């Protein structure tokens, strides 16, 4: 199997999203993860995650997805140290989910993309 190789496997849209997020003031972070655990939102996100992962597999984006996950985890390491471990873990997962959704964006239906980006939409750093 031949791996797709490029100079930068993280798409520009993902890079811009993560660069914006890393510069956020600490007071913005609670707004991100406070909206993610509403049952209806969680249910929609679960369906969107399955579809996103299917798209990544079908379109041979696993290689790029690995780099995107790594970039999101790196940004998560720069989160405010005042966060609780639970909030840090939740926010890390939300960053990974949103970043991978941006990677799958060309094939991901808008409703599912919005579901995975929803924690970040009120902060106006990403649009569906």
N, C-alpha and C. Protein backbone atom coordinates (compact mmCIF):
# COMPACT_ATOMS: atom_id res chain seq x y z
N UNK A 1 0.84 -1.17 0.00
CA UNK A 1 0.00 0.00 0.00
C UNK A 1 0.89 1.24 0.00
N UNK A 2 0.51 2.17 -0.77
CA UNK A 2 1.27 3.41 -0.87
C UNK A 2 0.56 4.52 -0.10
N UNK A 3 1.26 5.16 0.79
CA UNK A 3 0.67 6.23 1.59
C UNK A 3 0.67 7.54 0.81
N UNK A 4 -0.44 8.29 0.92
CA UNK A 4 -0.43 9.62 0.28
C UNK A 4 0.52 10.52 1.07
N UNK A 5 1.47 11.10 0.40
CA UNK A 5 2.47 11.92 1.07
C UNK A 5 2.34 13.36 0.57
N UNK A 6 2.36 14.28 1.49
CA UNK A 6 2.39 15.69 1.12
C UNK A 6 3.28 16.40 2.11
N UNK A 7 3.62 17.64 1.78
CA UNK A 7 4.45 18.42 2.70
C UNK A 7 3.71 18.71 4.00
N UNK A 8 2.40 18.86 3.93
CA UNK A 8 1.61 19.19 5.10
C UNK A 8 0.30 18.40 5.06
N UNK A 9 0.23 17.30 5.80
CA UNK A 9 -0.98 16.48 5.77
C UNK A 9 -2.17 17.09 6.53
N UNK A 10 -1.95 18.19 7.25
CA UNK A 10 -3.04 18.86 7.95
C UNK A 10 -3.57 19.97 7.04
N UNK A 11 -4.84 19.87 6.62
CA UNK A 11 -5.39 20.89 5.71
C UNK A 11 -5.36 22.28 6.34
N UNK A 12 -5.31 23.28 5.49
CA UNK A 12 -5.24 24.67 5.95
C UNK A 12 -6.44 25.04 6.82
N UNK A 13 -7.63 24.56 6.48
CA UNK A 13 -8.81 24.89 7.29
C UNK A 13 -8.69 24.37 8.72
N UNK A 14 -8.11 23.19 8.88
CA UNK A 14 -7.90 22.62 10.21
C UNK A 14 -6.83 23.41 10.94
N UNK A 15 -5.77 23.72 10.24
CA UNK A 15 -4.67 24.48 10.84
C UNK A 15 -5.16 25.85 11.33
N UNK A 16 -5.94 26.54 10.51
CA UNK A 16 -6.46 27.85 10.90
C UNK A 16 -7.37 27.74 12.12
N UNK A 17 -8.24 26.73 12.12
CA UNK A 17 -9.13 26.50 13.26
C UNK A 17 -8.31 26.32 14.53
N UNK A 18 -7.32 25.45 14.50
CA UNK A 18 -6.53 25.16 15.69
C UNK A 18 -5.67 26.36 16.11
N UNK A 19 -5.15 27.10 15.16
CA UNK A 19 -4.36 28.28 15.50
C UNK A 19 -5.23 29.35 16.16
N UNK A 20 -6.47 29.46 15.74
CA UNK A 20 -7.40 30.40 16.37
C UNK A 20 -7.75 29.94 17.78
N UNK A 21 -8.03 28.66 17.92
CA UNK A 21 -8.41 28.10 19.22
C UNK A 21 -7.29 28.28 20.24
N UNK A 22 -6.07 28.06 19.85
CA UNK A 22 -4.96 28.11 20.80
C UNK A 22 -4.77 29.52 21.37
N UNK A 23 -5.25 30.53 20.66
CA UNK A 23 -5.11 31.91 21.13
C UNK A 23 -6.30 32.39 21.97
N UNK A 24 -7.28 31.54 22.19
CA UNK A 24 -8.46 31.96 22.96
C UNK A 24 -8.11 32.31 24.38
N UNK A 25 -8.78 33.32 24.92
CA UNK A 25 -8.63 33.59 26.35
C UNK A 25 -9.24 32.46 27.18
N UNK A 26 -8.73 32.23 28.35
CA UNK A 26 -9.16 31.13 29.21
C UNK A 26 -10.66 31.17 29.50
N UNK A 27 -11.25 32.35 29.57
CA UNK A 27 -12.67 32.43 29.92
C UNK A 27 -13.59 31.91 28.82
N UNK A 28 -13.10 31.72 27.61
CA UNK A 28 -13.94 31.18 26.53
C UNK A 28 -14.12 29.66 26.62
N UNK A 29 -13.19 28.97 27.23
CA UNK A 29 -13.24 27.51 27.23
C UNK A 29 -14.48 26.92 27.89
N UNK A 30 -14.96 27.43 29.01
CA UNK A 30 -16.17 26.84 29.59
C UNK A 30 -17.37 26.89 28.65
N UNK A 31 -17.45 27.90 27.79
CA UNK A 31 -18.56 27.98 26.84
C UNK A 31 -18.50 26.85 25.81
N UNK A 32 -17.32 26.34 25.53
CA UNK A 32 -17.19 25.27 24.54
C UNK A 32 -17.76 23.96 25.06
N UNK A 33 -17.30 23.52 26.21
CA UNK A 33 -17.73 22.19 26.65
C UNK A 33 -19.04 22.20 27.40
N UNK A 34 -19.57 23.37 27.77
CA UNK A 34 -20.85 23.40 28.48
C UNK A 34 -22.02 23.00 27.59
N UNK A 35 -21.91 23.16 26.29
CA UNK A 35 -23.00 22.85 25.37
C UNK A 35 -22.93 21.42 24.82
N UNK A 36 -21.89 20.69 25.12
CA UNK A 36 -21.67 19.41 24.46
C UNK A 36 -22.37 18.23 25.11
N UNK A 37 -22.86 18.38 26.32
CA UNK A 37 -23.43 17.21 27.00
C UNK A 37 -24.95 17.22 27.10
N UNK A 38 -25.62 18.10 26.38
CA UNK A 38 -27.08 18.08 26.31
C UNK A 38 -27.47 16.80 25.57
N UNK A 39 -28.43 16.00 26.12
CA UNK A 39 -28.74 14.70 25.50
C UNK A 39 -29.06 14.74 24.01
N UNK A 40 -29.86 15.69 23.56
CA UNK A 40 -30.19 15.75 22.13
C UNK A 40 -28.95 16.04 21.29
N UNK A 41 -28.11 16.92 21.80
CA UNK A 41 -26.87 17.26 21.09
C UNK A 41 -25.95 16.05 21.06
N UNK A 42 -25.83 15.36 22.17
CA UNK A 42 -24.98 14.17 22.25
C UNK A 42 -25.44 13.09 21.28
N UNK A 43 -26.74 12.91 21.15
CA UNK A 43 -27.29 11.90 20.23
C UNK A 43 -26.96 12.25 18.78
N UNK A 44 -27.18 13.49 18.40
CA UNK A 44 -26.85 13.93 17.02
C UNK A 44 -25.36 13.79 16.75
N UNK A 45 -24.53 14.15 17.76
CA UNK A 45 -23.08 14.04 17.60
C UNK A 45 -22.66 12.60 17.39
N UNK A 46 -23.28 11.67 18.10
CA UNK A 46 -22.93 10.25 17.97
C UNK A 46 -23.16 9.77 16.54
N UNK A 47 -24.28 10.14 15.95
CA UNK A 47 -24.57 9.75 14.57
C UNK A 47 -23.57 10.42 13.62
N UNK A 48 -23.29 11.69 13.84
CA UNK A 48 -22.36 12.42 12.98
C UNK A 48 -20.95 11.84 13.07
N UNK A 49 -20.55 11.39 14.26
CA UNK A 49 -19.22 10.79 14.43
C UNK A 49 -19.07 9.52 13.60
N UNK A 50 -20.11 8.69 13.60
CA UNK A 50 -20.07 7.45 12.81
C UNK A 50 -19.94 7.78 11.33
N UNK A 51 -20.74 8.72 10.86
CA UNK A 51 -20.69 9.10 9.45
C UNK A 51 -19.32 9.70 9.10
N UNK A 52 -18.81 10.58 9.97
CA UNK A 52 -17.50 11.19 9.73
C UNK A 52 -16.41 10.13 9.63
N UNK A 53 -16.41 9.17 10.56
CA UNK A 53 -15.39 8.12 10.54
C UNK A 53 -15.50 7.24 9.31
N UNK A 54 -16.72 7.01 8.85
CA UNK A 54 -16.94 6.24 7.62
C UNK A 54 -16.37 6.99 6.43
N UNK A 55 -16.62 8.28 6.37
CA UNK A 55 -16.09 9.10 5.27
C UNK A 55 -14.57 9.10 5.28
N UNK A 56 -13.97 9.24 6.45
CA UNK A 56 -12.51 9.22 6.53
C UNK A 56 -11.94 7.90 6.02
N UNK A 57 -12.61 6.80 6.34
CA UNK A 57 -12.13 5.48 5.89
C UNK A 57 -12.35 5.29 4.40
N UNK A 58 -13.53 5.62 3.91
CA UNK A 58 -13.88 5.40 2.51
C UNK A 58 -13.01 6.25 1.58
N UNK A 59 -12.68 7.44 2.01
CA UNK A 59 -11.91 8.37 1.17
C UNK A 59 -10.41 8.32 1.47
N UNK A 60 -9.99 7.25 2.14
CA UNK A 60 -8.57 7.03 2.42
C UNK A 60 -7.90 8.24 3.09
N UNK A 61 -8.57 8.77 4.10
CA UNK A 61 -8.05 9.92 4.82
C UNK A 61 -7.47 9.54 6.18
N UNK A 62 -7.24 8.25 6.39
CA UNK A 62 -6.70 7.81 7.69
C UNK A 62 -5.33 8.39 7.99
N UNK A 63 -4.50 8.50 6.98
CA UNK A 63 -3.16 9.05 7.14
C UNK A 63 -3.26 10.52 7.58
N UNK A 64 -4.02 11.29 6.86
CA UNK A 64 -4.22 12.70 7.23
C UNK A 64 -4.91 12.81 8.58
N UNK A 65 -5.84 11.92 8.86
CA UNK A 65 -6.57 11.95 10.14
C UNK A 65 -5.61 11.77 11.31
N UNK A 66 -4.61 10.94 11.14
CA UNK A 66 -3.63 10.74 12.22
C UNK A 66 -2.93 12.06 12.54
N UNK A 67 -2.51 12.79 11.51
CA UNK A 67 -1.83 14.07 11.71
C UNK A 67 -2.78 15.12 12.29
N UNK A 68 -4.03 15.10 11.85
CA UNK A 68 -5.02 16.04 12.37
C UNK A 68 -5.26 15.78 13.86
N UNK A 69 -5.41 14.51 14.23
CA UNK A 69 -5.58 14.17 15.65
C UNK A 69 -4.38 14.65 16.47
N UNK A 70 -3.19 14.42 15.95
CA UNK A 70 -1.98 14.84 16.64
C UNK A 70 -1.94 16.36 16.80
N UNK A 71 -2.30 17.10 15.78
CA UNK A 71 -2.33 18.56 15.85
C UNK A 71 -3.35 19.03 16.89
N UNK A 72 -4.52 18.40 16.92
CA UNK A 72 -5.54 18.77 17.89
C UNK A 72 -5.09 18.46 19.32
N UNK A 73 -4.44 17.32 19.50
CA UNK A 73 -3.92 16.97 20.84
C UNK A 73 -2.83 17.96 21.28
N UNK A 74 -2.03 18.39 20.34
CA UNK A 74 -0.97 19.36 20.65
C UNK A 74 -1.59 20.67 21.12
N UNK A 75 -2.62 21.13 20.43
CA UNK A 75 -3.31 22.35 20.86
C UNK A 75 -3.95 22.14 22.22
N UNK A 76 -4.50 20.97 22.45
CA UNK A 76 -5.13 20.68 23.75
C UNK A 76 -4.12 20.76 24.89
N UNK A 77 -2.87 20.44 24.61
CA UNK A 77 -1.84 20.55 25.64
C UNK A 77 -1.58 22.00 26.03
N UNK A 78 -2.00 22.92 25.20
CA UNK A 78 -1.80 24.34 25.47
C UNK A 78 -3.01 24.98 26.15
N UNK A 79 -4.01 24.16 26.50
CA UNK A 79 -5.20 24.68 27.18
C UNK A 79 -4.82 25.26 28.53
N UNK A 80 -5.66 26.15 29.05
CA UNK A 80 -5.35 26.73 30.37
C UNK A 80 -5.16 25.65 31.43
N UNK A 81 -4.14 25.81 32.23
CA UNK A 81 -3.84 24.82 33.27
C UNK A 81 -4.84 24.87 34.41
N UNK A 82 -5.70 25.87 34.42
CA UNK A 82 -6.71 25.98 35.48
C UNK A 82 -7.90 25.06 35.23
N UNK A 83 -7.97 24.43 34.07
CA UNK A 83 -9.08 23.52 33.76
C UNK A 83 -9.00 22.27 34.62
N UNK A 84 -10.17 21.76 34.97
CA UNK A 84 -10.20 20.49 35.68
C UNK A 84 -9.79 19.39 34.70
N UNK A 85 -9.32 18.25 35.20
CA UNK A 85 -8.96 17.14 34.31
C UNK A 85 -10.14 16.69 33.43
N UNK A 86 -11.35 16.71 33.99
CA UNK A 86 -12.53 16.30 33.21
C UNK A 86 -12.81 17.29 32.08
N UNK A 87 -12.73 18.59 32.39
CA UNK A 87 -12.96 19.62 31.36
C UNK A 87 -11.88 19.55 30.29
N UNK A 88 -10.65 19.31 30.69
CA UNK A 88 -9.55 19.20 29.74
C UNK A 88 -9.77 18.01 28.81
N UNK A 89 -10.17 16.87 29.35
CA UNK A 89 -10.41 15.68 28.53
C UNK A 89 -11.58 15.91 27.57
N UNK A 90 -12.64 16.51 28.06
CA UNK A 90 -13.81 16.79 27.21
C UNK A 90 -13.43 17.74 26.08
N UNK A 91 -12.73 18.80 26.42
CA UNK A 91 -12.34 19.79 25.42
C UNK A 91 -11.37 19.20 24.40
N UNK A 92 -10.47 18.36 24.84
CA UNK A 92 -9.54 17.69 23.92
C UNK A 92 -10.32 16.87 22.90
N UNK A 93 -11.31 16.10 23.39
CA UNK A 93 -12.10 15.28 22.47
C UNK A 93 -12.92 16.15 21.52
N UNK A 94 -13.48 17.25 22.01
CA UNK A 94 -14.23 18.16 21.14
C UNK A 94 -13.33 18.77 20.06
N UNK A 95 -12.11 19.10 20.42
CA UNK A 95 -11.15 19.63 19.44
C UNK A 95 -10.82 18.59 18.37
N UNK A 96 -10.60 17.36 18.80
CA UNK A 96 -10.30 16.29 17.85
C UNK A 96 -11.49 16.06 16.93
N UNK A 97 -12.68 15.97 17.52
CA UNK A 97 -13.89 15.73 16.72
C UNK A 97 -14.11 16.83 15.69
N UNK A 98 -13.97 18.09 16.11
CA UNK A 98 -14.17 19.21 15.20
C UNK A 98 -13.10 19.23 14.11
N UNK A 99 -11.86 18.97 14.47
CA UNK A 99 -10.78 18.98 13.49
C UNK A 99 -10.96 17.89 12.44
N UNK A 100 -11.35 16.70 12.88
CA UNK A 100 -11.60 15.61 11.93
C UNK A 100 -12.83 15.90 11.07
N UNK A 101 -13.82 16.59 11.63
CA UNK A 101 -14.99 16.98 10.84
C UNK A 101 -14.57 17.94 9.73
N UNK A 102 -13.67 18.86 10.04
CA UNK A 102 -13.17 19.77 9.01
C UNK A 102 -12.40 19.02 7.93
N UNK A 103 -11.69 17.98 8.31
CA UNK A 103 -10.98 17.15 7.32
C UNK A 103 -11.99 16.45 6.40
N UNK A 104 -13.10 15.99 6.94
CA UNK A 104 -14.12 15.28 6.16
C UNK A 104 -15.13 16.23 5.53
N UNK A 105 -14.99 17.51 5.74
CA UNK A 105 -15.97 18.52 5.33
C UNK A 105 -16.48 18.38 3.89
N UNK A 106 -15.64 18.14 2.90
CA UNK A 106 -16.17 18.08 1.52
C UNK A 106 -17.24 17.00 1.32
N UNK A 107 -17.19 15.92 2.08
CA UNK A 107 -18.15 14.84 1.92
C UNK A 107 -19.18 14.78 3.06
N UNK A 108 -18.97 15.50 4.12
CA UNK A 108 -19.83 15.42 5.30
C UNK A 108 -21.03 16.33 5.12
N UNK A 109 -22.26 15.79 5.25
CA UNK A 109 -23.45 16.64 5.12
C UNK A 109 -23.40 17.80 6.13
N UNK A 110 -23.95 18.94 5.73
CA UNK A 110 -23.89 20.15 6.54
C UNK A 110 -24.47 19.94 7.94
N UNK A 111 -25.55 19.18 8.06
CA UNK A 111 -26.17 18.93 9.37
C UNK A 111 -25.20 18.21 10.31
N UNK A 112 -24.48 17.23 9.78
CA UNK A 112 -23.53 16.48 10.59
C UNK A 112 -22.30 17.31 10.91
N UNK A 113 -21.86 18.10 9.95
CA UNK A 113 -20.74 19.00 10.18
C UNK A 113 -21.10 19.99 11.29
N UNK A 114 -22.30 20.56 11.21
CA UNK A 114 -22.75 21.51 12.23
C UNK A 114 -22.81 20.86 13.60
N UNK A 115 -23.22 19.62 13.65
CA UNK A 115 -23.30 18.91 14.92
C UNK A 115 -21.91 18.76 15.55
N UNK A 116 -20.92 18.43 14.76
CA UNK A 116 -19.57 18.23 15.29
C UNK A 116 -18.83 19.54 15.57
N UNK A 117 -19.24 20.60 14.90
CA UNK A 117 -18.63 21.90 15.14
C UNK A 117 -19.43 22.74 16.15
N UNK A 118 -20.59 22.25 16.56
CA UNK A 118 -21.52 23.04 17.37
C UNK A 118 -20.90 23.68 18.62
N UNK A 119 -20.00 23.00 19.34
CA UNK A 119 -19.45 23.68 20.51
C UNK A 119 -18.67 24.95 20.17
N UNK A 120 -18.17 25.04 18.94
CA UNK A 120 -17.33 26.16 18.55
C UNK A 120 -18.08 27.22 17.73
N UNK A 121 -19.28 26.91 17.24
CA UNK A 121 -20.02 27.85 16.40
C UNK A 121 -20.37 29.15 17.11
N UNK A 122 -20.79 29.14 18.38
CA UNK A 122 -21.12 30.41 19.04
C UNK A 122 -19.92 31.35 19.21
N UNK A 123 -18.73 30.84 19.04
CA UNK A 123 -17.54 31.67 19.20
C UNK A 123 -17.07 32.28 17.88
N UNK A 124 -17.80 31.97 16.80
CA UNK A 124 -17.57 32.58 15.48
C UNK A 124 -16.16 32.38 14.94
N UNK A 125 -15.59 31.22 15.16
CA UNK A 125 -14.27 30.97 14.57
C UNK A 125 -14.35 29.98 13.42
N UNK A 126 -15.52 29.37 13.27
CA UNK A 126 -15.72 28.40 12.18
C UNK A 126 -17.17 28.49 11.75
N UNK A 127 -17.41 28.28 10.46
CA UNK A 127 -18.76 28.32 9.91
C UNK A 127 -19.05 27.00 9.23
N UNK A 128 -20.35 26.70 9.16
CA UNK A 128 -20.79 25.48 8.48
C UNK A 128 -21.05 25.80 7.03
